Protein backbone atom coordinates (compact mmCIF):
# COMPACT_ATOMS: atom_id res chain seq x y z
CA MET A 1 14.62 3.19 -15.83
CA PRO A 2 11.58 4.76 -14.07
CA ILE A 3 8.38 3.31 -15.41
CA THR A 4 7.18 6.89 -16.43
CA GLU A 5 9.79 6.84 -19.22
CA ILE A 6 7.86 4.10 -20.86
CA LEU A 7 4.75 6.20 -21.16
CA GLU A 8 6.80 9.05 -22.62
CA LYS A 9 8.31 6.64 -25.08
CA ASN A 10 4.80 5.39 -26.14
CA CYS A 11 3.64 8.87 -26.60
CA ARG A 12 6.62 9.75 -28.69
CA LEU A 13 6.58 6.69 -30.88
CA TYR A 14 2.89 5.85 -31.06
CA GLY A 15 1.14 9.19 -30.09
CA SER A 16 -1.92 8.92 -32.38
CA ASP A 17 -2.50 5.26 -31.71
CA ILE A 18 -5.22 3.94 -29.43
CA ALA A 19 -3.74 3.08 -25.96
CA LEU A 20 -6.81 2.21 -23.89
CA ILE A 21 -10.46 1.40 -24.46
CA GLU A 22 -13.16 1.25 -21.77
CA ILE A 23 -16.24 -0.87 -22.40
CA ASN A 24 -19.32 -1.04 -20.08
CA PRO A 25 -21.82 -3.49 -21.46
CA GLU A 26 -24.22 -2.77 -18.72
CA LYS A 27 -24.39 0.90 -19.41
CA LYS A 28 -26.41 1.94 -22.46
CA ASP A 29 -25.58 5.24 -24.25
CA ALA A 30 -26.65 6.10 -27.70
CA ARG A 31 -24.49 9.24 -27.97
CA ARG A 32 -21.37 9.58 -30.16
CA VAL A 33 -19.43 12.59 -29.04
CA THR A 34 -15.90 13.49 -30.01
CA TRP A 35 -13.95 15.71 -27.41
CA LYS A 36 -11.21 17.44 -29.60
CA GLU A 37 -9.40 18.65 -26.65
CA TYR A 38 -8.68 15.20 -25.23
CA GLY A 39 -9.03 13.02 -28.34
CA LEU A 40 -11.64 11.11 -26.40
CA ILE A 41 -14.46 9.28 -28.11
CA GLU A 42 -17.67 8.13 -26.33
CA SER A 43 -20.01 5.85 -28.61
CA SER A 44 -22.47 3.23 -28.55
CA GLN A 45 -21.11 0.07 -30.03
CA ALA A 46 -23.89 -2.45 -30.23
CA ALA A 47 -25.52 -0.45 -27.43
CA HIS A 48 -22.40 -0.72 -25.36
CA TYR A 49 -20.89 2.28 -23.60
CA ARG A 50 -17.41 2.72 -25.08
CA ARG A 51 -14.66 5.14 -24.71
CA GLU A 52 -11.04 5.29 -25.87
CA ILE A 53 -7.86 7.45 -25.66
CA THR A 54 -4.69 7.62 -27.58
CA TRP A 55 -1.19 7.45 -26.17
CA ASP A 56 -0.85 11.26 -26.75
CA VAL A 57 -3.97 11.82 -24.58
CA PHE A 58 -3.02 9.17 -21.99
CA ASN A 59 0.29 11.15 -21.48
CA GLU A 60 -1.34 14.54 -21.56
CA LYS A 61 -3.92 13.55 -18.99
CA ALA A 62 -1.12 12.15 -16.73
CA ASN A 63 0.78 15.33 -17.16
CA ARG A 64 -2.29 17.41 -16.25
CA PHE A 65 -2.85 15.54 -13.09
CA ALA A 66 0.86 15.72 -12.22
CA ASN A 67 0.92 19.46 -12.65
CA LEU A 68 -2.27 19.79 -10.61
CA LEU A 69 -0.65 17.91 -7.68
CA LEU A 70 2.60 19.76 -7.92
CA GLY A 71 0.51 23.05 -7.84
CA CYS A 72 -1.19 21.81 -4.61
CA ASN A 73 2.33 21.38 -3.05
CA VAL A 74 2.46 17.57 -3.56
CA LYS A 75 6.19 16.77 -3.63
CA LYS A 76 8.48 13.78 -4.17
CA GLY A 77 7.92 11.15 -1.49
CA ASP A 78 4.22 12.25 -0.72
CA LYS A 79 1.47 9.67 -1.20
CA VAL A 80 -1.58 9.88 -3.31
CA ALA A 81 -4.25 7.24 -2.94
CA ILE A 82 -6.66 6.01 -5.77
CA LEU A 83 -10.09 4.55 -4.78
CA MET A 84 -11.86 4.18 -8.17
CA MET A 85 -13.38 1.40 -10.24
CA ASN A 86 -11.78 0.56 -13.51
CA CYS A 87 -12.15 3.42 -16.09
CA LEU A 88 -10.26 5.39 -18.55
CA GLU A 89 -9.19 7.99 -15.90
CA TRP A 90 -7.47 5.27 -13.57
CA LEU A 91 -4.18 4.76 -15.42
CA PRO A 92 -3.50 8.39 -16.32
CA ILE A 93 -4.17 9.34 -12.69
CA TYR A 94 -1.73 6.64 -11.55
CA PHE A 95 1.00 7.76 -13.98
CA GLY A 96 0.29 11.43 -13.18
CA ILE A 97 1.13 10.59 -9.44
CA LEU A 98 4.30 8.82 -10.54
CA LYS A 99 5.45 11.79 -12.67
CA THR A 100 5.42 14.03 -9.59
CA GLY A 101 7.87 11.74 -7.78
CA ALA A 102 4.95 10.99 -5.25
CA LEU A 103 3.86 7.36 -4.43
CA ALA A 104 0.67 5.90 -5.98
CA VAL A 105 -1.48 4.11 -3.32
CA PRO A 106 -4.19 2.05 -4.96
CA LEU A 107 -7.07 1.04 -2.54
CA ASN A 108 -9.34 -2.10 -2.72
CA PHE A 109 -12.78 -1.06 -3.89
CA ARG A 110 -14.26 -3.49 -1.43
CA TYR A 111 -12.76 -1.76 1.68
CA THR A 112 -15.41 -0.48 4.20
CA ALA A 113 -15.23 3.17 5.27
CA HIS A 114 -13.18 2.31 8.29
CA GLU A 115 -10.78 0.17 6.41
CA ILE A 116 -10.26 3.01 3.93
CA GLU A 117 -9.41 5.32 6.84
CA TYR A 118 -7.04 2.71 8.41
CA CYS A 119 -5.10 2.42 5.07
CA LEU A 120 -4.88 6.21 4.64
CA ASN A 121 -3.45 6.58 7.92
CA LEU A 122 -1.04 3.59 7.62
CA ALA A 123 0.34 4.78 4.29
CA GLU A 124 0.38 8.37 5.49
CA VAL A 125 -1.60 9.51 2.35
CA ASP A 126 -1.61 13.11 1.51
CA VAL A 127 -4.35 13.05 -1.24
CA LEU A 128 -7.22 10.75 -1.96
CA VAL A 129 -8.80 10.54 -5.43
CA PHE A 130 -12.15 8.68 -5.36
CA GLY A 131 -14.91 7.86 -7.71
CA SER A 132 -18.72 8.12 -7.70
CA GLU A 133 -19.21 4.56 -6.19
CA PHE A 134 -17.47 5.64 -2.94
CA ILE A 135 -19.12 8.98 -2.13
CA GLY A 136 -21.16 7.37 0.71
CA ARG A 137 -18.08 5.59 2.26
CA ILE A 138 -15.89 8.74 2.01
CA GLU A 139 -18.69 10.82 3.53
CA GLU A 140 -18.78 8.48 6.67
CA ILE A 141 -15.10 9.34 7.43
CA ALA A 142 -14.75 12.78 5.76
CA ALA A 143 -14.83 14.63 9.04
CA THR A 144 -11.85 12.65 10.45
CA ILE A 145 -9.74 12.48 7.26
CA ILE A 146 -10.18 15.85 5.66
CA ASP A 147 -7.90 17.78 8.07
CA LYS A 148 -4.92 15.65 7.09
CA ARG A 149 -5.36 15.36 3.25
CA MET A 150 -6.91 16.73 0.04
CA LEU A 151 -9.87 14.93 -1.36
CA ILE A 152 -10.39 14.89 -5.05
CA PHE A 153 -13.64 13.60 -6.63
CA CYS A 154 -13.26 12.01 -10.05
CA GLY A 155 -16.71 10.63 -11.35
CA SER A 156 -19.98 11.45 -12.80
CA GLY A 157 -22.64 13.51 -11.03
CA ALA A 158 -22.17 16.42 -8.67
CA CYS A 159 -19.04 16.68 -6.66
CA PRO A 160 -19.69 16.20 -2.84
CA SER A 161 -19.21 19.27 -0.78
CA PHE A 162 -16.31 17.79 1.06
CA ALA A 163 -14.18 17.20 -1.96
CA GLU A 164 -12.79 19.12 -4.92
CA ASP A 165 -13.76 18.13 -8.59
CA TYR A 166 -10.97 16.46 -10.72
CA ALA A 167 -12.49 17.76 -13.93
CA GLU A 168 -12.53 21.35 -12.86
CA LEU A 169 -9.10 21.23 -11.22
CA THR A 170 -7.36 19.68 -14.19
CA ALA A 171 -9.03 21.79 -17.02
CA ASP A 172 -6.62 24.61 -16.82
CA CYS A 173 -3.45 22.59 -15.86
CA SER A 174 -0.63 22.29 -18.38
CA SER A 175 -0.32 19.21 -20.39
CA ALA A 176 3.51 19.49 -20.61
CA SER A 177 5.58 16.96 -18.78
CA PRO A 178 6.60 18.19 -15.21
CA LYS A 179 10.20 17.16 -15.76
CA ILE A 180 10.66 15.71 -12.21
CA THR A 181 13.96 13.74 -12.09
CA LEU A 182 13.39 10.10 -11.26
CA SER A 183 15.50 7.02 -10.94
CA ASP A 184 15.00 3.31 -10.49
CA GLU A 185 15.75 3.68 -6.79
CA ASP A 186 12.92 6.23 -6.17
CA TYR A 187 9.96 4.88 -4.30
CA ALA A 188 6.88 4.52 -6.73
CA ALA A 189 3.88 2.74 -5.08
CA ILE A 190 2.37 1.28 -1.99
CA TYR A 191 0.06 -1.65 -2.32
CA PHE A 192 -1.84 -3.36 0.43
CA SER A 193 -1.89 -6.98 1.56
CA SER A 194 -2.73 -8.76 4.73
CA GLY A 195 -1.19 -11.35 6.90
CA THR A 196 -2.90 -14.06 8.93
CA THR A 197 -3.99 -11.33 11.43
CA GLY A 198 -6.12 -9.78 8.69
CA PHE A 199 -4.54 -6.22 9.20
CA PRO A 200 -3.46 -4.75 5.98
CA LYS A 201 0.17 -4.21 5.40
CA ALA A 202 1.50 -1.30 3.25
CA ILE A 203 3.92 -2.80 0.71
CA LEU A 204 6.52 -0.31 -0.60
CA HIS A 205 7.87 -0.60 -4.12
CA LYS A 206 10.44 1.31 -5.94
CA HIS A 207 10.35 2.19 -9.70
CA LYS A 208 12.74 -0.73 -10.45
CA SER A 209 10.05 -3.08 -9.16
CA LEU A 210 7.43 -1.78 -11.60
CA THR A 211 9.71 -1.67 -14.54
CA HIS A 212 10.98 -5.30 -13.89
CA SER A 213 7.38 -6.33 -13.89
CA CYS A 214 7.00 -4.73 -17.42
CA VAL A 215 10.09 -6.64 -18.78
CA CYS A 216 9.16 -9.88 -16.97
CA GLU A 217 5.52 -9.97 -18.32
CA GLN A 218 6.62 -9.25 -21.88
CA ALA A 219 9.36 -11.87 -21.64
CA HIS A 220 6.83 -14.44 -20.58
CA HIS A 221 4.02 -13.68 -23.04
CA ASN A 222 5.90 -12.28 -26.01
CA GLN A 223 3.62 -9.26 -26.46
CA THR A 224 4.03 -7.15 -29.71
CA ARG A 225 2.48 -4.02 -30.95
CA ASP A 226 -0.13 -6.14 -32.63
CA ASP A 227 -1.49 -7.72 -29.43
CA ILE A 228 -4.61 -6.34 -27.77
CA PHE A 229 -4.81 -7.13 -24.04
CA LEU A 230 -8.33 -7.57 -22.43
CA CYS A 231 -8.10 -6.39 -18.80
CA ILE A 232 -10.99 -7.39 -16.56
CA PRO A 233 -9.74 -7.47 -12.93
CA PRO A 234 -9.58 -4.40 -10.86
CA LEU A 235 -6.63 -2.08 -11.52
CA TYR A 236 -5.97 -1.55 -7.80
CA HIS A 237 -4.74 -5.21 -7.79
CA THR A 238 -1.09 -5.80 -8.74
CA GLY A 239 -2.17 -8.78 -10.89
CA ALA A 240 -4.27 -6.72 -13.39
CA LYS A 241 -1.99 -3.90 -13.81
CA MET A 242 1.16 -5.93 -13.87
CA HIS A 243 -0.13 -8.25 -16.50
CA TRP A 244 -1.03 -5.21 -18.58
CA PHE A 245 2.51 -3.92 -18.05
CA GLY A 246 3.79 -6.31 -20.77
CA SER A 247 1.52 -4.64 -23.29
CA PHE A 248 2.40 -1.23 -21.93
CA LEU A 249 6.14 -1.87 -22.49
CA VAL A 250 5.67 -2.39 -26.32
CA GLY A 251 2.93 0.21 -26.67
CA ALA A 252 0.18 -2.14 -27.38
CA LYS A 253 -3.58 -1.64 -27.17
CA ALA A 254 -5.58 -2.59 -23.96
CA VAL A 255 -9.34 -2.95 -23.28
CA LEU A 256 -10.83 -2.26 -19.82
CA LEU A 257 -13.90 -4.43 -19.61
CA LYS A 258 -16.40 -3.66 -16.83
CA GLY A 259 -18.38 -6.81 -16.65
CA ILE A 260 -17.59 -10.50 -16.04
CA GLU A 261 -20.52 -12.28 -17.74
CA PRO A 262 -19.42 -14.83 -20.42
CA LYS A 263 -21.11 -12.97 -23.14
CA TYR A 264 -19.41 -9.78 -22.20
CA ILE A 265 -16.01 -11.41 -22.27
CA LEU A 266 -16.51 -13.24 -25.54
CA ASP A 267 -18.10 -10.21 -27.17
CA ALA A 268 -15.28 -7.89 -26.14
CA VAL A 269 -12.60 -10.40 -27.37
CA SER A 270 -14.60 -10.61 -30.73
CA ARG A 271 -15.37 -6.98 -31.28
CA GLU A 272 -12.15 -5.48 -30.03
CA LYS A 273 -10.02 -8.35 -31.76
CA CYS A 274 -8.26 -9.07 -28.41
CA THR A 275 -5.39 -11.56 -28.43
CA ILE A 276 -4.57 -12.00 -24.70
CA VAL A 277 -6.94 -12.43 -21.92
CA TRP A 278 -6.16 -12.97 -18.16
CA LEU A 279 -8.98 -14.68 -16.41
CA LEU A 280 -9.75 -15.68 -12.82
CA VAL A 281 -10.86 -19.32 -12.21
CA PRO A 282 -14.58 -18.48 -11.61
CA TRP A 283 -14.74 -16.56 -14.94
CA ALA A 284 -13.21 -19.25 -16.97
CA GLN A 285 -15.47 -21.72 -15.22
CA ASP A 286 -18.47 -19.53 -16.17
CA ILE A 287 -17.45 -19.42 -19.78
CA LEU A 288 -17.03 -23.24 -19.87
CA LEU A 289 -20.59 -23.70 -18.43
CA ALA A 290 -22.11 -21.31 -20.82
CA LEU A 291 -20.55 -23.15 -23.69
CA ASP A 292 -21.33 -26.54 -22.21
CA SER A 293 -25.07 -25.63 -21.79
CA GLY A 294 -25.49 -24.00 -25.15
CA GLU A 295 -26.10 -20.68 -23.62
CA GLU A 296 -23.14 -19.32 -25.60
CA LYS A 297 -21.85 -20.64 -28.92
CA LEU A 298 -18.33 -19.95 -30.18
CA GLU A 299 -19.51 -19.69 -33.69
CA ASN A 300 -21.35 -16.46 -32.83
CA TYR A 301 -18.09 -14.70 -32.13
CA GLU A 302 -14.80 -13.91 -34.12
CA LEU A 303 -12.12 -15.42 -31.73
CA ASP A 304 -9.54 -16.80 -34.11
CA GLN A 305 -7.08 -13.99 -33.23
CA TRP A 306 -7.37 -14.96 -29.40
CA ARG A 307 -3.87 -16.50 -28.83
CA LEU A 308 -3.26 -16.68 -25.14
CA MET A 309 -5.42 -17.48 -22.12
CA HIS A 310 -3.44 -17.14 -18.84
CA ILE A 311 -4.91 -17.49 -15.41
CA GLY A 312 -3.94 -17.09 -11.86
CA ALA A 313 -4.55 -15.38 -8.41
CA GLN A 314 -5.58 -18.77 -6.90
CA PRO A 315 -4.86 -22.60 -7.51
CA VAL A 316 -6.08 -23.58 -10.98
CA PRO A 317 -7.79 -27.03 -11.25
CA GLN A 318 -6.24 -29.23 -13.88
CA SER A 319 -9.75 -30.27 -15.08
CA LEU A 320 -10.46 -26.72 -15.83
CA VAL A 321 -7.47 -26.41 -18.20
CA LYS A 322 -8.24 -29.80 -19.78
CA ARG A 323 -11.84 -28.65 -20.55
CA TRP A 324 -10.63 -25.15 -21.68
CA LEU A 325 -8.21 -26.64 -24.29
CA GLU A 326 -11.11 -28.92 -25.60
CA HIS A 327 -12.98 -25.86 -26.41
CA PHE A 328 -10.04 -23.65 -27.46
CA PRO A 329 -7.45 -26.26 -28.74
CA HIS A 330 -5.43 -23.35 -30.50
CA HIS A 331 -4.87 -21.42 -27.34
CA ASP A 332 -1.54 -21.05 -25.53
CA TYR A 333 -2.17 -21.51 -21.84
CA ASP A 334 -0.17 -20.08 -19.03
CA THR A 335 -0.46 -19.63 -15.31
CA ASN A 336 1.62 -17.32 -13.16
CA TYR A 337 2.29 -17.15 -9.43
CA GLY A 338 2.97 -14.10 -7.47
CA LEU A 339 2.15 -11.90 -4.62
CA SER A 340 1.99 -8.07 -3.94
CA GLU A 341 5.26 -8.27 -2.20
CA SER A 342 6.81 -9.52 -5.43
CA ILE A 343 4.94 -6.98 -7.43
CA GLY A 344 2.18 -9.34 -8.60
CA PRO A 345 2.44 -12.20 -10.94
CA GLY A 346 5.43 -13.64 -12.75
CA CYS A 347 8.03 -14.47 -10.03
CA VAL A 348 7.01 -18.16 -10.76
CA HIS A 349 5.84 -18.84 -14.25
CA LEU A 350 4.57 -22.02 -15.94
CA GLY A 351 5.37 -21.02 -19.54
CA ILE A 352 3.08 -21.52 -22.57
CA GLU A 353 5.30 -24.50 -23.66
CA ASN A 354 4.62 -26.48 -20.46
CA THR A 355 0.88 -27.37 -20.67
CA HIS A 356 1.89 -30.95 -19.83
CA LYS A 357 2.88 -29.63 -16.33
CA VAL A 358 -0.55 -28.18 -15.49
CA GLY A 359 -1.03 -28.27 -11.81
CA SER A 360 2.42 -26.77 -11.31
CA ILE A 361 3.03 -22.96 -10.89
CA GLY A 362 6.06 -23.49 -12.97
CA LYS A 363 9.66 -22.39 -12.55
CA ALA A 364 11.50 -19.13 -11.51
CA GLY A 365 10.14 -16.35 -13.88
CA TYR A 366 12.32 -14.11 -16.01
CA GLY A 367 14.80 -12.31 -13.77
CA TRP A 368 13.77 -14.25 -10.69
CA GLU A 369 15.25 -16.93 -8.50
CA THR A 370 13.51 -19.52 -6.28
CA LYS A 371 14.38 -21.82 -3.46
CA ILE A 372 12.27 -23.97 -1.05
CA VAL A 373 13.53 -24.10 2.56
CA ASP A 374 12.85 -25.75 5.83
CA GLU A 375 11.97 -23.88 9.13
CA SER A 376 15.79 -23.22 9.67
CA GLY A 377 16.04 -21.51 6.27
CA ASN A 378 18.05 -24.52 4.75
CA PRO A 379 17.16 -25.72 1.20
CA VAL A 380 15.03 -28.97 1.25
CA SER A 381 16.01 -31.90 -0.90
CA ARG A 382 14.09 -32.16 -4.19
CA GLY A 383 10.59 -33.50 -3.56
CA GLY A 384 10.75 -32.21 -0.04
CA VAL A 385 8.06 -29.79 1.27
CA GLY A 386 9.26 -26.38 2.54
CA GLU A 387 8.49 -22.65 2.34
CA LEU A 388 8.88 -21.08 -1.13
CA CYS A 389 11.18 -18.00 -1.32
CA VAL A 390 11.82 -15.67 -4.30
CA ARG A 391 14.48 -13.22 -5.15
CA GLY A 392 14.61 -10.51 -7.81
CA ASP A 393 14.25 -6.90 -8.78
CA GLY A 394 10.51 -6.98 -8.14
CA VAL A 395 10.73 -7.80 -4.50
CA MET A 396 9.32 -4.99 -2.21
CA ASP A 397 11.49 -2.56 -0.40
CA CYS A 398 9.72 -3.21 2.94
CA TYR A 399 6.38 -3.13 4.63
CA TYR A 400 6.08 0.64 5.15
CA ASN A 401 6.48 1.59 8.85
CA ASP A 402 6.62 -2.01 9.90
CA SER A 403 10.23 -3.16 10.45
CA LYS A 404 9.19 -6.11 12.43
CA ALA A 405 6.97 -7.67 9.74
CA THR A 406 9.55 -6.72 7.24
CA SER A 407 12.30 -8.64 9.00
CA GLU A 408 9.94 -11.75 9.22
CA VAL A 409 9.74 -12.15 5.40
CA LEU A 410 12.79 -10.45 4.02
CA LYS A 411 16.14 -12.10 4.53
CA ASP A 412 19.24 -11.50 2.65
CA GLY A 413 17.17 -10.26 -0.25
CA TRP A 414 15.01 -13.33 -0.27
CA LEU A 415 11.28 -12.90 0.11
CA PHE A 416 9.61 -15.70 2.25
CA THR A 417 6.20 -16.14 0.70
CA GLY A 418 4.47 -18.02 3.42
CA ASP A 419 3.47 -20.66 0.87
CA MET A 420 4.42 -24.35 1.30
CA ALA A 421 5.72 -25.96 -1.90
CA GLN A 422 7.79 -28.82 -3.41
CA GLU A 423 9.80 -29.29 -6.61
CA ASP A 424 9.48 -32.34 -8.90
CA GLU A 425 12.22 -34.12 -10.58
CA ASP A 426 11.94 -31.64 -13.55
CA GLY A 427 12.39 -28.59 -11.42
CA PHE A 428 8.73 -27.53 -11.57
CA ILE A 429 7.18 -26.13 -8.40
CA PHE A 430 3.82 -27.31 -6.92
CA LEU A 431 2.09 -25.58 -4.11
CA VAL A 432 1.29 -27.90 -1.23
CA ASP A 433 -0.52 -25.68 1.25
CA ARG A 434 -0.53 -22.13 2.54
CA LYS A 435 1.39 -21.42 5.66
CA LYS A 436 -1.05 -18.72 6.19
CA ASP A 437 -4.70 -19.31 6.49
CA VAL A 438 -5.86 -16.92 3.80
CA ILE A 439 -8.84 -18.10 1.80
CA ILE A 440 -8.66 -17.26 -1.78
CA THR A 441 -12.16 -17.11 -3.34
CA GLY A 442 -12.65 -15.80 -6.94
CA GLY A 443 -9.17 -14.35 -6.89
CA GLU A 444 -9.78 -12.31 -3.78
CA ASN A 445 -8.22 -12.91 -0.38
CA ILE A 446 -10.50 -13.41 2.62
CA TYR A 447 -8.78 -13.28 6.09
CA PRO A 448 -10.27 -15.60 8.51
CA VAL A 449 -9.26 -13.76 11.64
CA GLN A 450 -11.36 -10.72 10.67
CA ILE A 451 -14.43 -12.72 10.32
CA GLU A 452 -13.79 -14.75 13.47
CA ASN A 453 -13.22 -11.75 15.47
CA PHE A 454 -16.55 -10.34 14.25
CA LEU A 455 -18.53 -13.54 14.75
CA ALA A 456 -17.02 -13.95 18.30
CA SER A 457 -18.93 -10.76 19.25
CA HIS A 458 -22.33 -12.60 18.88
CA PRO A 459 -23.79 -13.13 22.31
CA ASP A 460 -24.62 -16.85 21.66
CA ILE A 461 -21.18 -17.86 20.22
CA LYS A 462 -18.60 -19.49 22.45
CA ASP A 463 -15.93 -20.17 19.72
CA VAL A 464 -15.56 -19.86 16.02
CA ALA A 465 -13.10 -20.94 13.30
CA VAL A 466 -13.31 -19.80 9.64
CA ILE A 467 -11.75 -22.17 7.01
CA GLY A 468 -11.55 -22.53 3.29
CA LEU A 469 -13.50 -25.31 1.51
CA PRO A 470 -13.11 -26.30 -2.09
CA ASP A 471 -15.70 -25.06 -4.60
CA LYS A 472 -15.75 -25.76 -8.35
CA ARG A 473 -16.43 -22.15 -9.49
CA GLN A 474 -14.68 -19.96 -6.85
CA GLY A 475 -11.76 -22.20 -5.96
CA GLU A 476 -12.53 -21.88 -2.32
CA VAL A 477 -15.37 -20.61 -0.27
CA SER A 478 -15.24 -19.62 3.45
CA ALA A 479 -17.06 -21.75 6.09
CA ALA A 480 -17.61 -20.73 9.65
CA VAL A 481 -17.38 -23.51 12.29
CA ILE A 482 -19.36 -22.22 15.16
CA GLU A 483 -19.52 -23.58 18.70
CA LEU A 484 -22.48 -22.11 20.77
CA LYS A 485 -22.46 -21.42 24.30
CA LYS A 486 -24.13 -23.93 26.46
CA ASP A 487 -27.93 -23.86 26.47
CA ARG A 488 -27.94 -21.24 23.76
CA GLU A 489 -29.92 -21.69 20.54
CA CYS A 490 -29.00 -20.09 17.16
CA THR A 491 -30.06 -20.90 13.72
CA GLU A 492 -28.19 -20.48 10.41
CA ASP A 493 -30.57 -17.72 9.44
CA ASP A 494 -29.67 -15.95 12.63
CA ILE A 495 -25.98 -15.99 11.82
CA ARG A 496 -26.56 -14.91 8.28
CA MET A 497 -28.67 -11.94 9.44
CA PHE A 498 -25.97 -11.03 12.02
CA CYS A 499 -23.30 -11.22 9.12
CA HIS A 500 -25.14 -8.50 7.16
CA ALA A 501 -23.00 -6.10 9.07
CA LEU A 502 -19.99 -7.43 7.18
CA PRO A 503 -19.04 -6.62 3.66
CA ARG A 504 -20.86 -9.20 1.34
CA TYR A 505 -17.49 -10.81 0.44
CA LYS A 506 -16.58 -11.44 3.85
CA ARG A 507 -19.82 -13.25 4.83
CA PRO A 508 -19.32 -17.03 5.36
CA TYR A 509 -20.84 -18.86 2.56
CA LYS A 510 -21.31 -22.05 4.77
CA ILE A 511 -22.29 -22.20 8.50
CA ILE A 512 -21.34 -25.35 10.39
CA PHE A 513 -22.57 -25.75 14.02
CA ALA A 514 -19.84 -27.90 15.74
CA ASP A 515 -17.22 -27.93 18.43
CA VAL A 516 -14.03 -25.94 17.53
CA PRO A 517 -10.91 -28.07 18.29
CA ARG A 518 -8.01 -26.33 19.88
CA ASN A 519 -4.53 -27.85 20.69
CA ALA A 520 -2.67 -27.87 23.96
CA THR A 521 -1.38 -24.32 23.40
CA GLY A 522 -4.79 -23.01 22.62
CA LYS A 523 -4.54 -22.74 18.92
CA ILE A 524 -7.36 -23.71 16.62
CA GLU A 525 -6.57 -26.96 14.74
CA LYS A 526 -7.56 -25.80 11.31
CA PRO A 527 -5.90 -28.72 9.43
CA LYS A 528 -8.14 -31.02 11.55
CA LEU A 529 -11.26 -29.02 10.48
CA ARG A 530 -10.14 -28.95 6.90
CA ARG A 531 -9.82 -32.81 7.01
CA MET A 532 -13.17 -33.07 8.57
CA TYR A 533 -15.15 -30.90 6.27
CA GLY A 534 -13.00 -30.49 3.25
CA ALA A 535 -13.62 -34.16 2.00
CA ASP A 536 -17.29 -33.44 1.76
CA GLU A 537 -18.79 -32.91 -1.63
CA LEU A 538 -18.02 -29.43 -3.05
CA VAL A 539 -19.75 -26.77 -1.42
CA ALA A 540 -22.63 -25.11 -3.30
CA VAL A 541 -22.14 -21.39 -3.08
CA GLN A 542 -25.14 -19.57 -1.63
CA ASN A 543 -25.68 -15.94 -2.90
CA LEU A 544 -26.35 -14.13 0.37
CA SER A 545 -28.99 -11.35 0.09
């Protein structure tokens, strides 16, 4: 069934129950205002900015936006992009898009103006909805994108002149369901990923992928109506939304927390009585450090109801899980492996009953199949290293408008992940290395070629390679190995100043001046560089100003 039917079901069965709560600990607001039309409450809870909506209001707001789009001639198969930070409006907008039969296209909030423009063109986006934080970036490209698409501003403050205001547009729209006929085979969403070249690929999914993710997640974590899910990662990412999908399936409450400080997370779990929390490795590390240092004390919070901590988006150190269970011995622990091409987490799943196998990513998830193959596509023997492949209803339809890239990873229904893995004697899968050179830092992907191409434009640099090095908090950090031109001088400060033109998350954390080894065919020998520098003591992350 199309995923929109789950929202209609929740509205029908649990309409007056709270569906979503937004908490922003860094925004102080002493007001308490009830908006009867929307059933929306803004309040100050311990000086925190807090809003909530019911399932009725969630569905009504989705319907209003759907009817707005239909009134603007958006039709089945069109694409509507979302460029917003997490907020109460995000998910109703997403489901409003789906209710029209159009495709939702979430955009990474880290994208630069030109990356936004590239993705809008690649996905052939017809409408862009953007928040207050992105006015400057959209303004940079407004003149070149506005002729092809409608721009809708959804945020606080004045609406920019080049866009139309979401609140004004939806105010008079019908809250009734648009009644567009949808099926499992209809296209639903485009998510973005990147290969080793660093250029984003548009990943096309059908409704059956999204629905499968709901069922898979709920099967893994046994969500009930009594559970409360704390969502911290950005909603543009498949990981955040698809983990929430398990709660969505059963009509359970979710909390959107804007803030990653340990005190914010623990306070949200305590005040909102959260039972399930998905963390990235850095956030879990920060909580452990805060507890170990005495900065935070568990007795100051009500946490007995917190039953599950699951973690993913990057390799999880076994030592982290051991330390976590020392502080939270009653917690179930779980990790999930996935990628946007397989609609996020869950195609491989450790399972809460398998804590003894920490370090493994688990076995095939609910409704999934796995195999590990050699370079010829033949299954390797147990214990052998090969490429991990997955198959199931959550696999993407294709890379949109890129048949060549699609044919490279989709073969007979199997998705070739690009990750090298091996299976132990009990059938548990362990990642060995990434076939691609993507660096995963704090759950975010960094693509070395993008940084290498940028640094290569420096007049003093002869050659450059960007690799990932281990880091206790982030999992990995990026390091740039730079070979200078003969008789040129350049300091680390010079390179860091030059890198200010890059988005903060793409700036190398470590600069190494050394020769860049290449093999006989001209390819950089990155495994050699990792051996040379990866055995050093863990890199201390420098916060670049």
